[in-house]
Amino acid sequence: MTSGKTSGRIMAKSDTRYQCVIGSRPGGCRLRLDQCWTGQRLVVQSVEDGLVRDMAVRIGLGAGVEVTCQTKLPLGPVVLTWGDQEIAVGRGIARRIMVRVQRGRRGEAGEP
């Protein structure tokens, strides 16, 4: 098991799935969108890059939006749903979108 540091929190990497181990807040763990896994319910926190932020806002994927990770293709896009929309977000763009895992649902800190 290797570990990496994300947003000041220690993350454990196991099977390409990231789980918060230390420092999770009451609102859930914060991670990049490309680190989520299938079935996880997330809330968009921020978008790091200005151009990516503009593109995300145009499709309705701004801060505070609740999304579900439908699937994450190996070395490919992350497929998200929210409302009645479904969209594939490229891996490079997903790396620039910070999300928070919703507590009490699959993917909660410590849950696979």
PDB file of N, CA and C in Angstrom:
ATOM      1  N   MET A   1       0.850  -1.171   0.000  1.00  0.00           N
ATOM      2  CA  MET A   1       0.000   0.000   0.000  1.00  0.00           C
ATOM      3  C   MET A   1       0.893   1.229   0.000  1.00  0.00           C
ATOM      4  N   THR A   2       0.676   2.139  -0.904  1.00  0.00           N
ATOM      5  CA  THR A   2       1.436   3.377  -0.944  1.00  0.00           C
ATOM      6  C   THR A   2       0.547   4.491  -0.438  1.00  0.00           C
ATOM      7  N   SER A   3       1.150   5.589  -0.087  1.00  0.00           N
ATOM      8  CA  SER A   3       0.334   6.710   0.355  1.00  0.00           C
ATOM      9  C   SER A   3       0.784   7.967  -0.348  1.00  0.00           C
ATOM     10  N   GLY A   4      -0.136   8.875  -0.521  1.00  0.00           N
ATOM     11  CA  GLY A   4       0.144  10.158  -1.125  1.00  0.00           C
ATOM     12  C   GLY A   4      -0.527  11.222  -0.296  1.00  0.00           C
ATOM     13  N   LYS A   5      -0.130  12.455  -0.482  1.00  0.00           N
ATOM     14  CA  LYS A   5      -0.713  13.528   0.296  1.00  0.00           C
ATOM     15  C   LYS A   5      -1.598  14.359  -0.613  1.00  0.00           C
ATOM     16  N   THR A   6      -2.833  14.587  -0.216  1.00  0.00           N
ATOM     17  CA  THR A   6      -3.784  15.348  -1.009  1.00  0.00           C
ATOM     18  C   THR A   6      -4.442  16.381  -0.118  1.00  0.00           C
ATOM     19  N   SER A   7      -4.309  17.653  -0.459  1.00  0.00           N
ATOM     20  CA  SER A   7      -4.954  18.739   0.267  1.00  0.00           C
ATOM     21  C   SER A   7      -4.672  18.683   1.767  1.00  0.00           C
ATOM     22  N   GLY A   8      -3.449  18.338   2.150  1.00  0.00           N
ATOM     23  CA  GLY A   8      -3.096  18.319   3.550  1.00  0.00           C
ATOM     24  C   GLY A   8      -3.585  17.097   4.297  1.00  0.00           C
ATOM     25  N   ARG A   9      -4.185  16.133   3.621  1.00  0.00           N
ATOM     26  CA  ARG A   9      -4.674  14.923   4.258  1.00  0.00           C
ATOM     27  C   ARG A   9      -3.913  13.730   3.708  1.00  0.00           C
ATOM     28  N   ILE A  10      -3.691  12.753   4.524  1.00  0.00           N
ATOM     29  CA  ILE A  10      -3.002  11.553   4.061  1.00  0.00           C
ATOM     30  C   ILE A  10      -4.024  10.620   3.439  1.00  0.00           C
ATOM     31  N   MET A  11      -3.716  10.130   2.253  1.00  0.00           N
ATOM     32  CA  MET A  11      -4.603   9.216   1.544  1.00  0.00           C
ATOM     33  C   MET A  11      -3.872   7.886   1.404  1.00  0.00           C
ATOM     34  N   ALA A  12      -4.593   6.800   1.487  1.00  0.00           N
ATOM     35  CA  ALA A  12      -4.007   5.481   1.260  1.00  0.00           C
ATOM     36  C   ALA A  12      -4.460   4.994  -0.094  1.00  0.00           C
ATOM     37  N   LYS A  13      -3.521   4.488  -0.886  1.00  0.00           N
ATOM     38  CA  LYS A  13      -3.862   3.997  -2.215  1.00  0.00           C
ATOM     39  C   LYS A  13      -3.826   2.479  -2.183  1.00  0.00           C
ATOM     40  N   SER A  14      -4.928   1.892  -2.561  1.00  0.00           N
ATOM     41  CA  SER A  14      -5.031   0.446  -2.590  1.00  0.00           C
ATOM     42  C   SER A  14      -5.908   0.085  -3.768  1.00  0.00           C
ATOM     43  N   ASP A  15      -5.361  -0.635  -4.734  1.00  0.00           N
ATOM     44  CA  ASP A  15      -6.185  -1.042  -5.870  1.00  0.00           C
ATOM     45  C   ASP A  15      -6.674   0.153  -6.673  1.00  0.00           C
ATOM     46  N   THR A  16      -5.918   1.199  -6.800  1.00  0.00           N
ATOM     47  CA  THR A  16      -6.267   2.448  -7.478  1.00  0.00           C
ATOM     48  C   THR A  16      -7.466   3.137  -6.839  1.00  0.00           C
ATOM     49  N   ARG A  17      -7.856   2.737  -5.638  1.00  0.00           N
ATOM     50  CA  ARG A  17      -8.942   3.415  -4.926  1.00  0.00           C
ATOM     51  C   ARG A  17      -8.324   4.190  -3.772  1.00  0.00           C
ATOM     52  N   TYR A  18      -8.759   5.417  -3.606  1.00  0.00           N
ATOM     53  CA  TYR A  18      -8.222   6.250  -2.548  1.00  0.00           C
ATOM     54  C   TYR A  18      -9.237   6.318  -1.413  1.00  0.00           C
ATOM     55  N   GLN A  19      -8.754   6.233  -0.208  1.00  0.00           N
ATOM     56  CA  GLN A  19      -9.604   6.350   0.961  1.00  0.00           C
ATOM     57  C   GLN A  19      -8.938   7.331   1.917  1.00  0.00           C
ATOM     58  N   CYS A  20      -9.708   8.186   2.561  1.00  0.00           N
ATOM     59  CA  CYS A  20      -9.145   9.051   3.585  1.00  0.00           C
ATOM     60  C   CYS A  20      -8.825   8.204   4.791  1.00  0.00           C
ATOM     61  N   VAL A  21      -7.636   8.378   5.319  1.00  0.00           N
ATOM     62  CA  VAL A  21      -7.225   7.623   6.489  1.00  0.00           C
ATOM     63  C   VAL A  21      -7.116   8.551   7.689  1.00  0.00           C
ATOM     64  N   ILE A  22      -6.503   9.702   7.492  1.00  0.00           N
ATOM     65  CA  ILE A  22      -6.274  10.640   8.582  1.00  0.00           C
ATOM     66  C   ILE A  22      -6.776  12.016   8.154  1.00  0.00           C
ATOM     67  N   GLY A  23      -7.413  12.729   9.076  1.00  0.00           N
ATOM     68  CA  GLY A  23      -7.761  14.115   8.829  1.00  0.00           C
ATOM     69  C   GLY A  23      -9.052  14.347   8.081  1.00  0.00           C
ATOM     70  N   SER A  24      -9.954  13.383   8.021  1.00  0.00           N
ATOM     71  CA  SER A  24     -11.215  13.639   7.329  1.00  0.00           C
ATOM     72  C   SER A  24     -12.052  14.590   8.176  1.00  0.00           C
ATOM     73  N   ARG A  25     -12.746  15.459   7.518  1.00  0.00           N
ATOM     74  CA  ARG A  25     -13.564  16.447   8.199  1.00  0.00           C
ATOM     75  C   ARG A  25     -14.998  15.944   8.292  1.00  0.00           C
ATOM     76  N   PRO A  26     -15.829  16.591   9.116  1.00  0.00           N
ATOM     77  CA  PRO A  26     -17.221  16.162   9.229  1.00  0.00           C
ATOM     78  C   PRO A  26     -17.949  16.144   7.891  1.00  0.00           C
ATOM     79  N   GLY A  27     -17.544  16.975   6.946  1.00  0.00           N
ATOM     80  CA  GLY A  27     -18.197  17.014   5.639  1.00  0.00           C
ATOM     81  C   GLY A  27     -17.716  15.938   4.685  1.00  0.00           C
ATOM     82  N   GLY A  28     -16.763  15.135   5.077  1.00  0.00           N
ATOM     83  CA  GLY A  28     -16.239  14.089   4.203  1.00  0.00           C
ATOM     84  C   GLY A  28     -14.833  14.405   3.739  1.00  0.00           C
ATOM     85  N   CYS A  29     -14.233  13.469   3.046  1.00  0.00           N
ATOM     86  CA  CYS A  29     -12.867  13.616   2.554  1.00  0.00           C
ATOM     87  C   CYS A  29     -12.839  14.465   1.293  1.00  0.00           C
ATOM     88  N   ARG A  30     -11.771  15.218   1.132  1.00  0.00           N
ATOM     89  CA  ARG A  30     -11.593  16.022  -0.069  1.00  0.00           C
ATOM     90  C   ARG A  30     -10.545  15.358  -0.945  1.00  0.00           C
ATOM     91  N   LEU A  31     -10.856  15.207  -2.243  1.00  0.00           N
ATOM     92  CA  LEU A  31      -9.931  14.586  -3.174  1.00  0.00           C
ATOM     93  C   LEU A  31     -10.197  15.112  -4.572  1.00  0.00           C
ATOM     94  N   ARG A  32      -9.326  14.739  -5.510  1.00  0.00           N
ATOM     95  CA  ARG A  32      -9.519  15.132  -6.904  1.00  0.00           C
ATOM     96  C   ARG A  32     -10.558  14.210  -7.525  1.00  0.00           C
ATOM     97  N   LEU A  33     -11.266  14.716  -8.508  1.00  0.00           N
ATOM     98  CA  LEU A  33     -12.304  13.933  -9.170  1.00  0.00           C
ATOM     99  C   LEU A  33     -11.743  12.658  -9.788  1.00  0.00           C
ATOM    100  N   ASP A  34     -10.509  12.689 -10.282  1.00  0.00           N
ATOM    101  CA  ASP A  34      -9.937  11.478 -10.888  1.00  0.00           C
ATOM    102  C   ASP A  34      -9.589  10.408  -9.851  1.00  0.00           C
ATOM    103  N   GLN A  35      -9.719  10.710  -8.560  1.00  0.00           N
ATOM    104  CA  GLN A  35      -9.444   9.747  -7.499  1.00  0.00           C
ATOM    105  C   GLN A  35     -10.702   9.067  -6.964  1.00  0.00           C
ATOM    106  N   CYS A  36     -11.863   9.455  -7.451  1.00  0.00           N
ATOM    107  CA  CYS A  36     -13.105   8.850  -6.968  1.00  0.00           C
ATOM    108  C   CYS A  36     -13.301   7.476  -7.596  1.00  0.00           C
ATOM    109  N   TRP A  37     -14.301   6.738  -7.132  1.00  0.00           N
ATOM    110  CA  TRP A  37     -14.583   5.450  -7.742  1.00  0.00           C
ATOM    111  C   TRP A  37     -16.080   5.268  -7.955  1.00  0.00           C
ATOM    112  N   THR A  38     -16.438   4.276  -8.705  1.00  0.00           N
ATOM    113  CA  THR A  38     -17.810   4.020  -9.119  1.00  0.00           C
ATOM    114  C   THR A  38     -18.760   3.961  -7.925  1.00  0.00           C
ATOM    115  N   GLY A  39     -19.884   4.664  -8.063  1.00  0.00           N
ATOM    116  CA  GLY A  39     -20.921   4.670  -7.041  1.00  0.00           C
ATOM    117  C   GLY A  39     -20.751   5.727  -5.976  1.00  0.00           C
ATOM    118  N   GLN A  40     -19.632   6.409  -5.973  1.00  0.00           N
ATOM    119  CA  GLN A  40     -19.364   7.402  -4.947  1.00  0.00           C
ATOM    120  C   GLN A  40     -20.171   8.664  -5.215  1.00  0.00           C
ATOM    121  N   ARG A  41     -20.781   9.206  -4.157  1.00  0.00           N
ATOM    122  CA  ARG A  41     -21.525  10.464  -4.260  1.00  0.00           C
ATOM    123  C   ARG A  41     -20.630  11.581  -3.766  1.00  0.00           C
ATOM    124  N   LEU A  42     -20.553  12.647  -4.555  1.00  0.00           N
ATOM    125  CA  LEU A  42     -19.582  13.707  -4.324  1.00  0.00           C
ATOM    126  C   LEU A  42     -20.239  15.073  -4.414  1.00  0.00           C
ATOM    127  N   VAL A  43     -19.589  16.070  -3.840  1.00  0.00           N
ATOM    128  CA  VAL A  43     -19.981  17.467  -3.997  1.00  0.00           C
ATOM    129  C   VAL A  43     -18.775  18.199  -4.552  1.00  0.00           C
ATOM    130  N   VAL A  44     -18.958  18.924  -5.648  1.00  0.00           N
ATOM    131  CA  VAL A  44     -17.867  19.696  -6.251  1.00  0.00           C
ATOM    132  C   VAL A  44     -17.502  20.830  -5.297  1.00  0.00           C
ATOM    133  N   GLN A  45     -16.212  20.931  -4.955  1.00  0.00           N
ATOM    134  CA  GLN A  45     -15.720  21.971  -4.055  1.00  0.00           C
ATOM    135  C   GLN A  45     -15.109  23.139  -4.819  1.00  0.00           C
ATOM    136  N   SER A  46     -14.241  22.835  -5.783  1.00  0.00           N
ATOM    137  CA  SER A  46     -13.577  23.897  -6.534  1.00  0.00           C
ATOM    138  C   SER A  46     -12.980  23.334  -7.810  1.00  0.00           C
ATOM    139  N   VAL A  47     -12.669  24.250  -8.718  1.00  0.00           N
ATOM    140  CA  VAL A  47     -11.988  23.894  -9.960  1.00  0.00           C
ATOM    141  C   VAL A  47     -10.744  24.763 -10.012  1.00  0.00           C
ATOM    142  N   GLU A  48      -9.568  24.133 -10.085  1.00  0.00           N
ATOM    143  CA  GLU A  48      -8.296  24.839  -9.957  1.00  0.00           C
ATOM    144  C   GLU A  48      -7.972  25.759 -11.121  1.00  0.00           C
ATOM    145  N   ASP A  49      -8.202  25.337 -12.333  1.00  0.00           N
ATOM    146  CA  ASP A  49      -7.790  26.063 -13.528  1.00  0.00           C
ATOM    147  C   ASP A  49      -8.931  26.942 -14.039  1.00  0.00           C
ATOM    148  N   GLY A  50      -8.625  28.186 -14.406  1.00  0.00           N
ATOM    149  CA  GLY A  50      -9.644  29.120 -14.877  1.00  0.00           C
ATOM    150  C   GLY A  50     -10.373  28.661 -16.124  1.00  0.00           C
ATOM    151  N   LEU A  51      -9.648  28.136 -17.114  1.00  0.00           N
ATOM    152  CA  LEU A  51     -10.270  27.662 -18.352  1.00  0.00           C
ATOM    153  C   LEU A  51     -11.159  26.454 -18.076  1.00  0.00           C
ATOM    154  N   VAL A  52     -10.672  25.529 -17.265  1.00  0.00           N
ATOM    155  CA  VAL A  52     -11.467  24.349 -16.902  1.00  0.00           C
ATOM    156  C   VAL A  52     -12.692  24.780 -16.103  1.00  0.00           C
ATOM    157  N   ARG A  53     -12.539  25.771 -15.215  1.00  0.00           N
ATOM    158  CA  ARG A  53     -13.664  26.280 -14.431  1.00  0.00           C
ATOM    159  C   ARG A  53     -14.744  26.839 -15.346  1.00  0.00           C
ATOM    160  N   ASP A  54     -14.345  27.600 -16.362  1.00  0.00           N
ATOM    161  CA  ASP A  54     -15.318  28.152 -17.311  1.00  0.00           C
ATOM    162  C   ASP A  54     -16.066  27.047 -18.043  1.00  0.00           C
ATOM    163  N   MET A  55     -15.342  26.011 -18.480  1.00  0.00           N
ATOM    164  CA  MET A  55     -15.987  24.895 -19.184  1.00  0.00           C
ATOM    165  C   MET A  55     -16.944  24.157 -18.252  1.00  0.00           C
ATOM    166  N   ALA A  56     -16.531  23.952 -17.005  1.00  0.00           N
ATOM    167  CA  ALA A  56     -17.366  23.232 -16.039  1.00  0.00           C
ATOM    168  C   ALA A  56     -18.650  24.004 -15.739  1.00  0.00           C
ATOM    169  N   VAL A  57     -18.537  25.307 -15.578  1.00  0.00           N
ATOM    170  CA  VAL A  57     -19.716  26.126 -15.295  1.00  0.00           C
ATOM    171  C   VAL A  57     -20.689  26.099 -16.468  1.00  0.00           C
ATOM    172  N   ARG A  58     -20.194  26.090 -17.687  1.00  0.00           N
ATOM    173  CA  ARG A  58     -21.070  26.038 -18.867  1.00  0.00           C
ATOM    174  C   ARG A  58     -21.942  24.790 -18.903  1.00  0.00           C
ATOM    175  N   ILE A  59     -21.423  23.682 -18.380  1.00  0.00           N
ATOM    176  CA  ILE A  59     -22.215  22.448 -18.387  1.00  0.00           C
ATOM    177  C   ILE A  59     -22.932  22.223 -17.055  1.00  0.00           C
ATOM    178  N   GLY A  60     -22.833  23.196 -16.146  1.00  0.00           N
ATOM    179  CA  GLY A  60     -23.546  23.098 -14.879  1.00  0.00           C
ATOM    180  C   GLY A  60     -22.800  22.378 -13.784  1.00  0.00           C
ATOM    181  N   LEU A  61     -21.500  22.239 -13.923  1.00  0.00           N
ATOM    182  CA  LEU A  61     -20.691  21.505 -12.952  1.00  0.00           C
ATOM    183  C   LEU A  61     -19.863  22.486 -12.127  1.00  0.00           C
ATOM    184  N   GLY A  62     -20.548  23.324 -11.358  1.00  0.00           N
ATOM    185  CA  GLY A  62     -19.860  24.309 -10.542  1.00  0.00           C
ATOM    186  C   GLY A  62     -19.788  23.893  -9.084  1.00  0.00           C
ATOM    187  N   ALA A  63     -19.188  24.737  -8.271  1.00  0.00           N
ATOM    188  CA  ALA A  63     -19.047  24.460  -6.840  1.00  0.00           C
ATOM    189  C   ALA A  63     -20.416  24.247  -6.204  1.00  0.00           C
ATOM    190  N   GLY A  64     -20.500  23.230  -5.350  1.00  0.00           N
ATOM    191  CA  GLY A  64     -21.738  22.931  -4.642  1.00  0.00           C
ATOM    192  C   GLY A  64     -22.643  21.924  -5.328  1.00  0.00           C
ATOM    193  N   VAL A  65     -22.333  21.562  -6.565  1.00  0.00           N
ATOM    194  CA  VAL A  65     -23.162  20.607  -7.311  1.00  0.00           C
ATOM    195  C   VAL A  65     -22.890  19.194  -6.801  1.00  0.00           C
ATOM    196  N   GLU A  66     -23.960  18.452  -6.515  1.00  0.00           N
ATOM    197  CA  GLU A  66     -23.836  17.061  -6.077  1.00  0.00           C
ATOM    198  C   GLU A  66     -23.843  16.160  -7.298  1.00  0.00           C
ATOM    199  N   VAL A  67     -22.848  15.284  -7.402  1.00  0.00           N
ATOM    200  CA  VAL A  67     -22.715  14.377  -8.545  1.00  0.00           C
ATOM    201  C   VAL A  67     -22.496  12.949  -8.046  1.00  0.00           C
ATOM    202  N   THR A  68     -22.729  11.995  -8.940  1.00  0.00           N
ATOM    203  CA  THR A  68     -22.439  10.588  -8.661  1.00  0.00           C
ATOM    204  C   THR A  68     -21.480  10.087  -9.720  1.00  0.00           C
ATOM    205  N   CYS A  69     -20.443   9.396  -9.305  1.00  0.00           N
ATOM    206  CA  CYS A  69     -19.503   8.792 -10.248  1.00  0.00           C
ATOM    207  C   CYS A  69     -20.129   7.500 -10.763  1.00  0.00           C
ATOM    208  N   GLN A  70     -20.550   7.496 -12.012  1.00  0.00           N
ATOM    209  CA  GLN A  70     -21.168   6.308 -12.607  1.00  0.00           C
ATOM    210  C   GLN A  70     -20.125   5.247 -12.921  1.00  0.00           C
ATOM    211  N   THR A  71     -19.027   5.681 -13.513  1.00  0.00           N
ATOM    212  CA  THR A  71     -17.937   4.755 -13.821  1.00  0.00           C
ATOM    213  C   THR A  71     -16.667   5.550 -14.053  1.00  0.00           C
ATOM    214  N   LYS A  72     -15.548   4.876 -13.916  1.00  0.00           N
ATOM    215  CA  LYS A  72     -14.248   5.488 -14.185  1.00  0.00           C
ATOM    216  C   LYS A  72     -13.499   4.504 -15.069  1.00  0.00           C
ATOM    217  N   LEU A  73     -13.310   4.874 -16.315  1.00  0.00           N
ATOM    218  CA  LEU A  73     -12.656   3.989 -17.270  1.00  0.00           C
ATOM    219  C   LEU A  73     -11.144   3.989 -17.048  1.00  0.00           C
ATOM    220  N   PRO A  74     -10.498   2.830 -17.174  1.00  0.00           N
ATOM    221  CA  PRO A  74      -9.049   2.761 -16.974  1.00  0.00           C
ATOM    222  C   PRO A  74      -8.315   3.706 -17.934  1.00  0.00           C
ATOM    223  N   LEU A  75      -7.542   4.604 -17.367  1.00  0.00           N
ATOM    224  CA  LEU A  75      -6.783   5.604 -18.131  1.00  0.00           C
ATOM    225  C   LEU A  75      -7.669   6.455 -19.027  1.00  0.00           C
ATOM    226  N   GLY A  76      -8.960   6.495 -18.751  1.00  0.00           N
ATOM    227  CA  GLY A  76      -9.910   7.251 -19.558  1.00  0.00           C
ATOM    228  C   GLY A  76     -10.723   8.203 -18.704  1.00  0.00           C
ATOM    229  N   PRO A  77     -11.877   8.609 -19.221  1.00  0.00           N
ATOM    230  CA  PRO A  77     -12.691   9.606 -18.532  1.00  0.00           C
ATOM    231  C   PRO A  77     -13.422   9.061 -17.305  1.00  0.00           C
ATOM    232  N   VAL A  78     -13.890  10.008 -16.489  1.00  0.00           N
ATOM    233  CA  VAL A  78     -14.750   9.718 -15.349  1.00  0.00           C
ATOM    234  C   VAL A  78     -16.161  10.086 -15.797  1.00  0.00           C
ATOM    235  N   VAL A  79     -17.100   9.151 -15.712  1.00  0.00           N
ATOM    236  CA  VAL A  79     -18.480   9.407 -16.131  1.00  0.00           C
ATOM    237  C   VAL A  79     -19.288   9.797 -14.900  1.00  0.00           C
ATOM    238  N   LEU A  80     -19.891  10.993 -14.956  1.00  0.00           N
ATOM    239  CA  LEU A  80     -20.651  11.543 -13.838  1.00  0.00           C
ATOM    240  C   LEU A  80     -22.113  11.699 -14.205  1.00  0.00           C
ATOM    241  N   THR A  81     -22.981  11.620 -13.200  1.00  0.00           N
ATOM    242  CA  THR A  81     -24.386  11.976 -13.388  1.00  0.00           C
ATOM    243  C   THR A  81     -24.771  12.967 -12.302  1.00  0.00           C
ATOM    244  N   TRP A  82     -25.646  13.876 -12.662  1.00  0.00           N
ATOM    245  CA  TRP A  82     -26.281  14.777 -11.707  1.00  0.00           C
ATOM    246  C   TRP A  82     -27.546  15.276 -12.370  1.00  0.00           C
ATOM    247  N   GLY A  83     -28.603  15.360 -11.575  1.00  0.00           N
ATOM    248  CA  GLY A  83     -29.897  15.695 -12.159  1.00  0.00           C
ATOM    249  C   GLY A  83     -30.233  14.664 -13.217  1.00  0.00           C
ATOM    250  N   ASP A  84     -30.587  15.125 -14.402  1.00  0.00           N
ATOM    251  CA  ASP A  84     -30.863  14.196 -15.505  1.00  0.00           C
ATOM    252  C   ASP A  84     -29.749  14.238 -16.548  1.00  0.00           C
ATOM    253  N   GLN A  85     -28.564  14.675 -16.136  1.00  0.00           N
ATOM    254  CA  GLN A  85     -27.425  14.761 -17.048  1.00  0.00           C
ATOM    255  C   GLN A  85     -26.416  13.648 -16.776  1.00  0.00           C
ATOM    256  N   GLU A  86     -25.749  13.226 -17.824  1.00  0.00           N
ATOM    257  CA  GLU A  86     -24.633  12.293 -17.702  1.00  0.00           C
ATOM    258  C   GLU A  86     -23.540  12.808 -18.626  1.00  0.00           C
ATOM    259  N   ILE A  87     -22.324  12.890 -18.120  1.00  0.00           N
ATOM    260  CA  ILE A  87     -21.237  13.432 -18.928  1.00  0.00           C
ATOM    261  C   ILE A  87     -19.928  12.723 -18.587  1.00  0.00           C
ATOM    262  N   ALA A  88     -19.091  12.564 -19.594  1.00  0.00           N
ATOM    263  CA  ALA A  88     -17.756  11.991 -19.404  1.00  0.00           C
ATOM    264  C   ALA A  88     -16.766  13.147 -19.285  1.00  0.00           C
ATOM    265  N   VAL A  89     -16.028  13.170 -18.198  1.00  0.00           N
ATOM    266  CA  VAL A  89     -15.031  14.212 -17.945  1.00  0.00           C
ATOM    267  C   VAL A  89     -13.656  13.587 -18.148  1.00  0.00           C
ATOM    268  N   GLY A  90     -12.875  14.151 -19.059  1.00  0.00           N
ATOM    269  CA  GLY A  90     -11.538  13.627 -19.344  1.00  0.00           C
ATOM    270  C   GLY A  90     -10.654  13.609 -18.113  1.00  0.00           C
ATOM    271  N   ARG A  91      -9.719  12.682 -18.079  1.00  0.00           N
ATOM    272  CA  ARG A  91      -8.853  12.485 -16.918  1.00  0.00           C
ATOM    273  C   ARG A  91      -8.070  13.756 -16.578  1.00  0.00           C
ATOM    274  N   GLY A  92      -7.561  14.461 -17.587  1.00  0.00           N
ATOM    275  CA  GLY A  92      -6.803  15.687 -17.339  1.00  0.00           C
ATOM    276  C   GLY A  92      -7.647  16.771 -16.690  1.00  0.00           C
ATOM    277  N   ILE A  93      -8.889  16.894 -17.117  1.00  0.00           N
ATOM    278  CA  ILE A  93      -9.805  17.876 -16.520  1.00  0.00           C
ATOM    279  C   ILE A  93     -10.196  17.423 -15.116  1.00  0.00           C
ATOM    280  N   ALA A  94     -10.459  16.127 -14.956  1.00  0.00           N
ATOM    281  CA  ALA A  94     -10.861  15.594 -13.647  1.00  0.00           C
ATOM    282  C   ALA A  94      -9.791  15.840 -12.587  1.00  0.00           C
ATOM    283  N   ARG A  95      -8.526  15.891 -12.990  1.00  0.00           N
ATOM    284  CA  ARG A  95      -7.439  16.160 -12.036  1.00  0.00           C
ATOM    285  C   ARG A  95      -7.510  17.572 -11.468  1.00  0.00           C
ATOM    286  N   ARG A  96      -8.189  18.456 -12.150  1.00  0.00           N
ATOM    287  CA  ARG A  96      -8.254  19.857 -11.721  1.00  0.00           C
ATOM    288  C   ARG A  96      -9.532  20.183 -10.950  1.00  0.00           C
ATOM    289  N   ILE A  97     -10.399  19.198 -10.758  1.00  0.00           N
ATOM    290  CA  ILE A  97     -11.663  19.411 -10.049  1.00  0.00           C
ATOM    291  C   ILE A  97     -11.572  18.754  -8.672  1.00  0.00           C
ATOM    292  N   MET A  98     -11.719  19.562  -7.629  1.00  0.00           N
ATOM    293  CA  MET A  98     -11.691  19.055  -6.259  1.00  0.00           C
ATOM    294  C   MET A  98     -13.121  18.765  -5.812  1.00  0.00           C
ATOM    295  N   VAL A  99     -13.307  17.596  -5.187  1.00  0.00           N
ATOM    296  CA  VAL A  99     -14.630  17.183  -4.718  1.00  0.00           C
ATOM    297  C   VAL A  99     -14.529  16.737  -3.265  1.00  0.00           C
ATOM    298  N   ARG A 100     -15.673  16.693  -2.604  1.00  0.00           N
ATOM    299  CA  ARG A 100     -15.748  16.183  -1.242  1.00  0.00           C
ATOM    300  C   ARG A 100     -16.694  14.997  -1.244  1.00  0.00           C
ATOM    301  N   VAL A 101     -16.257  13.894  -0.645  1.00  0.00           N
ATOM    302  CA  VAL A 101     -17.085  12.691  -0.547  1.00  0.00           C
ATOM    303  C   VAL A 101     -18.210  12.971   0.435  1.00  0.00           C
ATOM    304  N   GLN A 102     -19.445  12.643   0.038  1.00  0.00           N
ATOM    305  CA  GLN A 102     -20.570  12.832   0.948  1.00  0.00           C
ATOM    306  C   GLN A 102     -20.528  11.765   2.027  1.00  0.00           C
ATOM    307  N   ARG A 103     -20.705  12.170   3.258  1.00  0.00           N
ATOM    308  CA  ARG A 103     -20.665  11.247   4.399  1.00  0.00           C
ATOM    309  C   ARG A 103     -21.925  10.388   4.423  1.00  0.00           C
ATOM    310  N   GLY A 104     -21.783   9.193   4.997  1.00  0.00           N
ATOM    311  CA  GLY A 104     -22.936   8.321   5.162  1.00  0.00           C
ATOM    312  C   GLY A 104     -23.324   7.577   3.900  1.00  0.00           C
ATOM    313  N   ARG A 105     -22.503   7.659   2.884  1.00  0.00           N
ATOM    314  CA  ARG A 105     -22.767   6.964   1.631  1.00  0.00           C
ATOM    315  C   ARG A 105     -21.541   6.154   1.268  1.00  0.00           C
ATOM    316  N   ARG A 106     -21.665   5.311   0.270  1.00  0.00           N
ATOM    317  CA  ARG A 106     -20.525   4.506  -0.166  1.00  0.00           C
ATOM    318  C   ARG A 106     -19.341   5.421  -0.436  1.00  0.00           C
ATOM    319  N   GLY A 107     -18.182   5.017   0.008  1.00  0.00           N
ATOM    320  CA  GLY A 107     -16.989   5.811  -0.202  1.00  0.00           C
ATOM    321  C   GLY A 107     -16.665   6.721   0.957  1.00  0.00           C
ATOM    322  N   GLU A 108     -17.464   6.654   2.022  1.00  0.00           N
ATOM    323  CA  GLU A 108     -17.181   7.448   3.202  1.00  0.00           C
ATOM    324  C   GLU A 108     -15.790   7.105   3.719  1.00  0.00           C
ATOM    325  N   ALA A 109     -15.188   7.996   4.444  1.00  0.00           N
ATOM    326  CA  ALA A 109     -13.836   7.765   4.954  1.00  0.00           C
ATOM    327  C   ALA A 109     -13.736   6.391   5.592  1.00  0.00           C
ATOM    328  N   GLY A 110     -12.772   5.619   5.116  1.00  0.00           N
ATOM    329  CA  GLY A 110     -12.557   4.298   5.662  1.00  0.00           C
ATOM    330  C   GLY A 110     -13.370   3.209   5.000  1.00  0.00           C
ATOM    331  N   GLU A 111     -14.354   3.547   4.173  1.00  0.00           N
ATOM    332  CA  GLU A 111     -15.153   2.543   3.461  1.00  0.00           C
ATOM    333  C   GLU A 111     -14.644   2.383   2.049  1.00  0.00           C
ATOM    334  N   PRO A 112     -14.533   1.196   1.539  1.00  0.00           N
ATOM    335  CA  PRO A 112     -14.124   1.012   0.141  1.00  0.00           C
ATOM    336  C   PRO A 112     -15.267   1.299  -0.801  1.00  0.00           C
TER     337      PRO A 112
END
